[in-house]
Amino acid sequence: MFNDIGKLVVIAGLATVVIGLLLIGPGKTGTWNGFNWFGNLPFDFKIEKENFRLYFPMGSSIVISMLLSIIFYLFNKFIR
């Protein structure tokens, strides 16, 4: 039982590192800006007034939720 949980934690950690490198690396070199669309999706609400700023990224949250659901489904499918 703990062996399976350990595998899942290692895989999740590696996936987090890879995603982090994809997000940080190109921003430092300035050569690739593939995530400009993220945060500007439909249902990403931005309200800016004189002394008030609200950003509610509902569309981006839906995309992240779908991607994580697919990833966890595949982990569950291949680990068991």
PDB file of N, CA and C in Angstrom:
ATOM      1  N   MET A   1       0.815  -1.186   0.000  1.00  0.00           N
ATOM      2  CA  MET A   1       0.000   0.000   0.000  1.00  0.00           C
ATOM      3  C   MET A   1       0.864   1.257   0.000  1.00  0.00           C
ATOM      4  N   PHE A   2       1.846   1.340   0.894  1.00  0.00           N
ATOM      5  CA  PHE A   2       2.692   2.522   0.956  1.00  0.00           C
ATOM      6  C   PHE A   2       3.586   2.628  -0.279  1.00  0.00           C
ATOM      7  N   ASN A   3       3.874   1.497  -0.898  1.00  0.00           N
ATOM      8  CA  ASN A   3       4.679   1.489  -2.105  1.00  0.00           C
ATOM      9  C   ASN A   3       3.955   2.231  -3.231  1.00  0.00           C
ATOM     10  N   ASP A   4       2.648   2.006  -3.372  1.00  0.00           N
ATOM     11  CA  ASP A   4       1.873   2.682  -4.404  1.00  0.00           C
ATOM     12  C   ASP A   4       1.757   4.179  -4.125  1.00  0.00           C
ATOM     13  N   ILE A   5       1.570   4.530  -2.873  1.00  0.00           N
ATOM     14  CA  ILE A   5       1.474   5.947  -2.522  1.00  0.00           C
ATOM     15  C   ILE A   5       2.808   6.641  -2.785  1.00  0.00           C
ATOM     16  N   GLY A   6       3.894   5.954  -2.486  1.00  0.00           N
ATOM     17  CA  GLY A   6       5.220   6.520  -2.751  1.00  0.00           C
ATOM     18  C   GLY A   6       5.440   6.772  -4.230  1.00  0.00           C
ATOM     19  N   LYS A   7       5.017   5.833  -5.070  1.00  0.00           N
ATOM     20  CA  LYS A   7       5.143   6.015  -6.519  1.00  0.00           C
ATOM     21  C   LYS A   7       4.330   7.221  -6.981  1.00  0.00           C
ATOM     22  N   LEU A   8       3.129   7.356  -6.447  1.00  0.00           N
ATOM     23  CA  LEU A   8       2.274   8.462  -6.834  1.00  0.00           C
ATOM     24  C   LEU A   8       2.878   9.799  -6.420  1.00  0.00           C
ATOM     25  N   VAL A   9       3.455   9.866  -5.235  1.00  0.00           N
ATOM     26  CA  VAL A   9       4.070  11.099  -4.763  1.00  0.00           C
ATOM     27  C   VAL A   9       5.281  11.462  -5.623  1.00  0.00           C
ATOM     28  N   VAL A  10       6.086  10.477  -5.985  1.00  0.00           N
ATOM     29  CA  VAL A  10       7.262  10.733  -6.828  1.00  0.00           C
ATOM     30  C   VAL A  10       6.830  11.212  -8.209  1.00  0.00           C
ATOM     31  N   ILE A  11       5.830  10.579  -8.798  1.00  0.00           N
ATOM     32  CA  ILE A  11       5.362  10.975 -10.127  1.00  0.00           C
ATOM     33  C   ILE A  11       4.756  12.374 -10.077  1.00  0.00           C
ATOM     34  N   ALA A  12       3.966  12.660  -9.050  1.00  0.00           N
ATOM     35  CA  ALA A  12       3.374  13.991  -8.922  1.00  0.00           C
ATOM     36  C   ALA A  12       4.458  15.051  -8.733  1.00  0.00           C
ATOM     37  N   GLY A  13       5.487  14.739  -7.982  1.00  0.00           N
ATOM     38  CA  GLY A  13       6.592  15.673  -7.796  1.00  0.00           C
ATOM     39  C   GLY A  13       7.350  15.938  -9.084  1.00  0.00           C
ATOM     40  N   LEU A  14       7.600  14.891  -9.842  1.00  0.00           N
ATOM     41  CA  LEU A  14       8.286  15.064 -11.123  1.00  0.00           C
ATOM     42  C   LEU A  14       7.442  15.877 -12.101  1.00  0.00           C
ATOM     43  N   ALA A  15       6.143  15.624 -12.108  1.00  0.00           N
ATOM     44  CA  ALA A  15       5.254  16.387 -12.986  1.00  0.00           C
ATOM     45  C   ALA A  15       5.245  17.861 -12.584  1.00  0.00           C
ATOM     46  N   THR A  16       5.267  18.126 -11.285  1.00  0.00           N
ATOM     47  CA  THR A  16       5.291  19.509 -10.803  1.00  0.00           C
ATOM     48  C   THR A  16       6.582  20.207 -11.210  1.00  0.00           C
ATOM     49  N   VAL A  17       7.691  19.511 -11.124  1.00  0.00           N
ATOM     50  CA  VAL A  17       8.976  20.095 -11.528  1.00  0.00           C
ATOM     51  C   VAL A  17       8.984  20.394 -13.025  1.00  0.00           C
ATOM     52  N   VAL A  18       8.486  19.465 -13.829  1.00  0.00           N
ATOM     53  CA  VAL A  18       8.465  19.673 -15.280  1.00  0.00           C
ATOM     54  C   VAL A  18       7.577  20.858 -15.636  1.00  0.00           C
ATOM     55  N   ILE A  19       6.399  20.945 -15.036  1.00  0.00           N
ATOM     56  CA  ILE A  19       5.504  22.068 -15.311  1.00  0.00           C
ATOM     57  C   ILE A  19       6.140  23.377 -14.859  1.00  0.00           C
ATOM     58  N   GLY A  20       6.790  23.372 -13.704  1.00  0.00           N
ATOM     59  CA  GLY A  20       7.471  24.570 -13.227  1.00  0.00           C
ATOM     60  C   GLY A  20       8.579  25.021 -14.162  1.00  0.00           C
ATOM     61  N   LEU A  21       9.352  24.082 -14.675  1.00  0.00           N
ATOM     62  CA  LEU A  21      10.410  24.435 -15.622  1.00  0.00           C
ATOM     63  C   LEU A  21       9.841  24.976 -16.926  1.00  0.00           C
ATOM     64  N   LEU A  22       8.719  24.416 -17.359  1.00  0.00           N
ATOM     65  CA  LEU A  22       8.079  24.924 -18.572  1.00  0.00           C
ATOM     66  C   LEU A  22       7.575  26.354 -18.383  1.00  0.00           C
ATOM     67  N   LEU A  23       7.135  26.680 -17.189  1.00  0.00           N
ATOM     68  CA  LEU A  23       6.615  28.018 -16.937  1.00  0.00           C
ATOM     69  C   LEU A  23       7.723  29.037 -16.681  1.00  0.00           C
ATOM     70  N   ILE A  24       8.789  28.635 -16.014  1.00  0.00           N
ATOM     71  CA  ILE A  24       9.847  29.574 -15.640  1.00  0.00           C
ATOM     72  C   ILE A  24      10.888  29.722 -16.748  1.00  0.00           C
ATOM     73  N   GLY A  25      11.325  28.628 -17.312  1.00  0.00           N
ATOM     74  CA  GLY A  25      12.430  28.638 -18.262  1.00  0.00           C
ATOM     75  C   GLY A  25      12.265  29.576 -19.435  1.00  0.00           C
ATOM     76  N   PRO A  26      11.203  29.446 -20.215  1.00  0.00           N
ATOM     77  CA  PRO A  26      11.071  30.327 -21.380  1.00  0.00           C
ATOM     78  C   PRO A  26      10.898  31.796 -21.015  1.00  0.00           C
ATOM     79  N   GLY A  27      10.358  32.095 -19.866  1.00  0.00           N
ATOM     80  CA  GLY A  27      10.193  33.492 -19.462  1.00  0.00           C
ATOM     81  C   GLY A  27      11.526  34.185 -19.251  1.00  0.00           C
ATOM     82  N   LYS A  28      12.535  33.446 -18.826  1.00  0.00           N
ATOM     83  CA  LYS A  28      13.851  34.043 -18.597  1.00  0.00           C
ATOM     84  C   LYS A  28      14.568  34.320 -19.915  1.00  0.00           C
ATOM     85  N   THR A  29      14.377  33.456 -20.898  1.00  0.00           N
ATOM     86  CA  THR A  29      15.059  33.658 -22.170  1.00  0.00           C
ATOM     87  C   THR A  29      14.297  34.613 -23.065  1.00  0.00           C
ATOM     88  N   GLY A  30      12.975  34.694 -22.891  1.00  0.00           N
ATOM     89  CA  GLY A  30      12.172  35.595 -23.699  1.00  0.00           C
ATOM     90  C   GLY A  30      11.911  35.088 -25.096  1.00  0.00           C
ATOM     91  N   THR A  31      12.242  33.835 -25.371  1.00  0.00           N
ATOM     92  CA  THR A  31      12.086  33.325 -26.729  1.00  0.00           C
ATOM     93  C   THR A  31      10.720  32.717 -26.975  1.00  0.00           C
ATOM     94  N   TRP A  32      10.053  32.244 -25.942  1.00  0.00           N
ATOM     95  CA  TRP A  32       8.776  31.559 -26.133  1.00  0.00           C
ATOM     96  C   TRP A  32       7.780  32.071 -25.121  1.00  0.00           C
ATOM     97  N   ASN A  33       6.667  32.535 -25.592  1.00  0.00           N
ATOM     98  CA  ASN A  33       5.613  33.030 -24.719  1.00  0.00           C
ATOM     99  C   ASN A  33       4.328  32.265 -25.005  1.00  0.00           C
ATOM    100  N   GLY A  34       4.331  30.989 -24.802  1.00  0.00           N
ATOM    101  CA  GLY A  34       3.204  30.146 -25.139  1.00  0.00           C
ATOM    102  C   GLY A  34       2.053  30.210 -24.170  1.00  0.00           C
ATOM    103  N   PHE A  35       2.233  30.834 -23.005  1.00  0.00           N
ATOM    104  CA  PHE A  35       1.172  30.880 -22.004  1.00  0.00           C
ATOM    105  C   PHE A  35       0.556  32.271 -21.890  1.00  0.00           C
ATOM    106  N   ASN A  36       0.670  33.093 -22.910  1.00  0.00           N
ATOM    107  CA  ASN A  36       0.051  34.415 -22.866  1.00  0.00           C
ATOM    108  C   ASN A  36      -1.465  34.331 -22.818  1.00  0.00           C
ATOM    109  N   TRP A  37      -2.027  33.310 -23.407  1.00  0.00           N
ATOM    110  CA  TRP A  37      -3.477  33.132 -23.428  1.00  0.00           C
ATOM    111  C   TRP A  37      -4.022  32.793 -22.050  1.00  0.00           C
ATOM    112  N   PHE A  38      -3.178  32.220 -21.197  1.00  0.00           N
ATOM    113  CA  PHE A  38      -3.644  31.777 -19.886  1.00  0.00           C
ATOM    114  C   PHE A  38      -3.887  32.984 -18.994  1.00  0.00           C
ATOM    115  N   GLY A  39      -5.054  33.071 -18.440  1.00  0.00           N
ATOM    116  CA  GLY A  39      -5.450  34.218 -17.641  1.00  0.00           C
ATOM    117  C   GLY A  39      -6.293  35.200 -18.423  1.00  0.00           C
ATOM    118  N   ASN A  40      -6.421  34.969 -19.717  1.00  0.00           N
ATOM    119  CA  ASN A  40      -7.247  35.820 -20.570  1.00  0.00           C
ATOM    120  C   ASN A  40      -8.317  34.998 -21.268  1.00  0.00           C
ATOM    121  N   LEU A  41      -8.721  33.913 -20.657  1.00  0.00           N
ATOM    122  CA  LEU A  41      -9.738  33.044 -21.228  1.00  0.00           C
ATOM    123  C   LEU A  41     -11.126  33.621 -20.980  1.00  0.00           C
ATOM    124  N   PRO A  42     -12.126  33.128 -21.733  1.00  0.00           N
ATOM    125  CA  PRO A  42     -13.495  33.512 -21.373  1.00  0.00           C
ATOM    126  C   PRO A  42     -13.791  33.048 -19.941  1.00  0.00           C
ATOM    127  N   PHE A  43     -14.574  33.765 -19.236  1.00  0.00           N
ATOM    128  CA  PHE A  43     -14.926  33.533 -17.834  1.00  0.00           C
ATOM    129  C   PHE A  43     -13.790  33.884 -16.869  1.00  0.00           C
ATOM    130  N   ASP A  44     -12.731  34.505 -17.341  1.00  0.00           N
ATOM    131  CA  ASP A  44     -11.730  35.096 -16.450  1.00  0.00           C
ATOM    132  C   ASP A  44     -12.149  36.548 -16.237  1.00  0.00           C
ATOM    133  N   PHE A  45     -12.746  36.816 -15.095  1.00  0.00           N
ATOM    134  CA  PHE A  45     -13.338  38.119 -14.846  1.00  0.00           C
ATOM    135  C   PHE A  45     -12.303  39.078 -14.273  1.00  0.00           C
ATOM    136  N   LYS A  46     -12.230  40.267 -14.876  1.00  0.00           N
ATOM    137  CA  LYS A  46     -11.349  41.327 -14.398  1.00  0.00           C
ATOM    138  C   LYS A  46     -12.191  42.578 -14.185  1.00  0.00           C
ATOM    139  N   ILE A  47     -12.194  43.060 -12.975  1.00  0.00           N
ATOM    140  CA  ILE A  47     -12.907  44.292 -12.653  1.00  0.00           C
ATOM    141  C   ILE A  47     -11.887  45.254 -12.047  1.00  0.00           C
ATOM    142  N   GLU A  48     -11.700  46.373 -12.719  1.00  0.00           N
ATOM    143  CA  GLU A  48     -10.752  47.380 -12.243  1.00  0.00           C
ATOM    144  C   GLU A  48     -11.475  48.708 -12.108  1.00  0.00           C
ATOM    145  N   LYS A  49     -11.420  49.263 -10.917  1.00  0.00           N
ATOM    146  CA  LYS A  49     -11.982  50.584 -10.662  1.00  0.00           C
ATOM    147  C   LYS A  49     -10.897  51.445 -10.020  1.00  0.00           C
ATOM    148  N   GLU A  50     -11.266  52.594  -9.579  1.00  0.00           N
ATOM    149  CA  GLU A  50     -10.275  53.539  -9.082  1.00  0.00           C
ATOM    150  C   GLU A  50      -9.443  52.978  -7.930  1.00  0.00           C
ATOM    151  N   ASN A  51     -10.079  52.481  -6.891  1.00  0.00           N
ATOM    152  CA  ASN A  51      -9.364  51.954  -5.726  1.00  0.00           C
ATOM    153  C   ASN A  51      -9.655  50.480  -5.497  1.00  0.00           C
ATOM    154  N   PHE A  52     -10.010  49.794  -6.543  1.00  0.00           N
ATOM    155  CA  PHE A  52     -10.434  48.397  -6.389  1.00  0.00           C
ATOM    156  C   PHE A  52     -10.027  47.609  -7.625  1.00  0.00           C
ATOM    157  N   ARG A  53      -9.492  46.428  -7.393  1.00  0.00           N
ATOM    158  CA  ARG A  53      -9.128  45.547  -8.492  1.00  0.00           C
ATOM    159  C   ARG A  53      -9.498  44.122  -8.098  1.00  0.00           C
ATOM    160  N   LEU A  54     -10.267  43.441  -8.946  1.00  0.00           N
ATOM    161  CA  LEU A  54     -10.690  42.068  -8.698  1.00  0.00           C
ATOM    162  C   LEU A  54     -10.379  41.234  -9.925  1.00  0.00           C
ATOM    163  N   TYR A  55      -9.738  40.116  -9.707  1.00  0.00           N
ATOM    164  CA  TYR A  55      -9.465  39.174 -10.783  1.00  0.00           C
ATOM    165  C   TYR A  55      -9.944  37.808 -10.331  1.00  0.00           C
ATOM    166  N   PHE A  56     -10.910  37.256 -11.045  1.00  0.00           N
ATOM    167  CA  PHE A  56     -11.489  35.962 -10.704  1.00  0.00           C
ATOM    168  C   PHE A  56     -11.304  35.030 -11.892  1.00  0.00           C
ATOM    169  N   PRO A  57     -10.265  34.164 -11.879  1.00  0.00           N
ATOM    170  CA  PRO A  57      -9.930  33.335 -13.045  1.00  0.00           C
ATOM    171  C   PRO A  57     -10.752  32.043 -13.125  1.00  0.00           C
ATOM    172  N   MET A  58     -12.047  32.156 -13.378  1.00  0.00           N
ATOM    173  CA  MET A  58     -12.892  30.972 -13.437  1.00  0.00           C
ATOM    174  C   MET A  58     -12.564  30.105 -14.662  1.00  0.00           C
ATOM    175  N   GLY A  59     -12.357  30.712 -15.814  1.00  0.00           N
ATOM    176  CA  GLY A  59     -12.045  29.950 -17.024  1.00  0.00           C
ATOM    177  C   GLY A  59     -10.717  29.210 -16.902  1.00  0.00           C
ATOM    178  N   SER A  60      -9.720  29.872 -16.360  1.00  0.00           N
ATOM    179  CA  SER A  60      -8.419  29.232 -16.165  1.00  0.00           C
ATOM    180  C   SER A  60      -8.526  28.102 -15.141  1.00  0.00           C
ATOM    181  N   SER A  61      -9.357  28.292 -14.110  1.00  0.00           N
ATOM    182  CA  SER A  61      -9.549  27.244 -13.105  1.00  0.00           C
ATOM    183  C   SER A  61     -10.211  26.013 -13.710  1.00  0.00           C
ATOM    184  N   ILE A  62     -11.139  26.227 -14.629  1.00  0.00           N
ATOM    185  CA  ILE A  62     -11.791  25.096 -15.302  1.00  0.00           C
ATOM    186  C   ILE A  62     -10.783  24.325 -16.141  1.00  0.00           C
ATOM    187  N   VAL A  63      -9.920  25.040 -16.857  1.00  0.00           N
ATOM    188  CA  VAL A  63      -8.896  24.370 -17.679  1.00  0.00           C
ATOM    189  C   VAL A  63      -7.945  23.567 -16.799  1.00  0.00           C
ATOM    190  N   ILE A  64      -7.492  24.145 -15.694  1.00  0.00           N
ATOM    191  CA  ILE A  64      -6.592  23.439 -14.781  1.00  0.00           C
ATOM    192  C   ILE A  64      -7.285  22.220 -14.196  1.00  0.00           C
ATOM    193  N   SER A  65      -8.546  22.353 -13.834  1.00  0.00           N
ATOM    194  CA  SER A  65      -9.297  21.236 -13.271  1.00  0.00           C
ATOM    195  C   SER A  65      -9.417  20.090 -14.277  1.00  0.00           C
ATOM    196  N   MET A  66      -9.695  20.416 -15.519  1.00  0.00           N
ATOM    197  CA  MET A  66      -9.802  19.359 -16.541  1.00  0.00           C
ATOM    198  C   MET A  66      -8.461  18.670 -16.760  1.00  0.00           C
ATOM    199  N   LEU A  67      -7.383  19.440 -16.827  1.00  0.00           N
ATOM    200  CA  LEU A  67      -6.062  18.840 -17.028  1.00  0.00           C
ATOM    201  C   LEU A  67      -5.664  17.941 -15.859  1.00  0.00           C
ATOM    202  N   LEU A  68      -5.914  18.407 -14.627  1.00  0.00           N
ATOM    203  CA  LEU A  68      -5.585  17.585 -13.465  1.00  0.00           C
ATOM    204  C   LEU A  68      -6.454  16.333 -13.395  1.00  0.00           C
ATOM    205  N   SER A  69      -7.717  16.433 -13.793  1.00  0.00           N
ATOM    206  CA  SER A  69      -8.584  15.259 -13.813  1.00  0.00           C
ATOM    207  C   SER A  69      -8.071  14.210 -14.792  1.00  0.00           C
ATOM    208  N   ILE A  70      -7.635  14.663 -15.949  1.00  0.00           N
ATOM    209  CA  ILE A  70      -7.094  13.727 -16.947  1.00  0.00           C
ATOM    210  C   ILE A  70      -5.803  13.096 -16.432  1.00  0.00           C
ATOM    211  N   ILE A  71      -4.926  13.898 -15.841  1.00  0.00           N
ATOM    212  CA  ILE A  71      -3.656  13.375 -15.324  1.00  0.00           C
ATOM    213  C   ILE A  71      -3.899  12.350 -14.226  1.00  0.00           C
ATOM    214  N   PHE A  72      -4.782  12.674 -13.260  1.00  0.00           N
ATOM    215  CA  PHE A  72      -5.050  11.729 -12.179  1.00  0.00           C
ATOM    216  C   PHE A  72      -5.755  10.482 -12.679  1.00  0.00           C
ATOM    217  N   TYR A  73      -6.603  10.615 -13.690  1.00  0.00           N
ATOM    218  CA  TYR A  73      -7.240   9.433 -14.286  1.00  0.00           C
ATOM    219  C   TYR A  73      -6.186   8.519 -14.899  1.00  0.00           C
ATOM    220  N   LEU A  74      -5.235   9.111 -15.616  1.00  0.00           N
ATOM    221  CA  LEU A  74      -4.190   8.293 -16.244  1.00  0.00           C
ATOM    222  C   LEU A  74      -3.281   7.662 -15.197  1.00  0.00           C
ATOM    223  N   PHE A  75      -2.950   8.394 -14.127  1.00  0.00           N
ATOM    224  CA  PHE A  75      -2.168   7.804 -13.047  1.00  0.00           C
ATOM    225  C   PHE A  75      -2.895   6.621 -12.452  1.00  0.00           C
ATOM    226  N   ASN A  76      -4.164   6.790 -12.178  1.00  0.00           N
ATOM    227  CA  ASN A  76      -4.963   5.726 -11.579  1.00  0.00           C
ATOM    228  C   ASN A  76      -5.071   4.523 -12.518  1.00  0.00           C
ATOM    229  N   LYS A  77      -5.193   4.798 -13.804  1.00  0.00           N
ATOM    230  CA  LYS A  77      -5.334   3.734 -14.807  1.00  0.00           C
ATOM    231  C   LYS A  77      -4.050   2.892 -14.902  1.00  0.00           C
ATOM    232  N   PHE A  78      -2.887   3.552 -14.879  1.00  0.00           N
ATOM    233  CA  PHE A  78      -1.637   2.841 -15.119  1.00  0.00           C
ATOM    234  C   PHE A  78      -0.969   2.327 -13.845  1.00  0.00           C
ATOM    235  N   ILE A  79      -1.286   2.877 -12.678  1.00  0.00           N
ATOM    236  CA  ILE A  79      -0.657   2.420 -11.450  1.00  0.00           C
ATOM    237  C   ILE A  79      -1.316   1.154 -10.937  1.00  0.00           C
ATOM    238  N   ARG A  80      -2.615   1.045 -11.092  1.00  0.00           N
ATOM    239  CA  ARG A  80      -3.315  -0.149 -10.587  1.00  0.00           C
ATOM    240  C   ARG A  80      -3.199  -1.300 -11.523  1.00  0.00           C
TER     241      ARG A  80
END
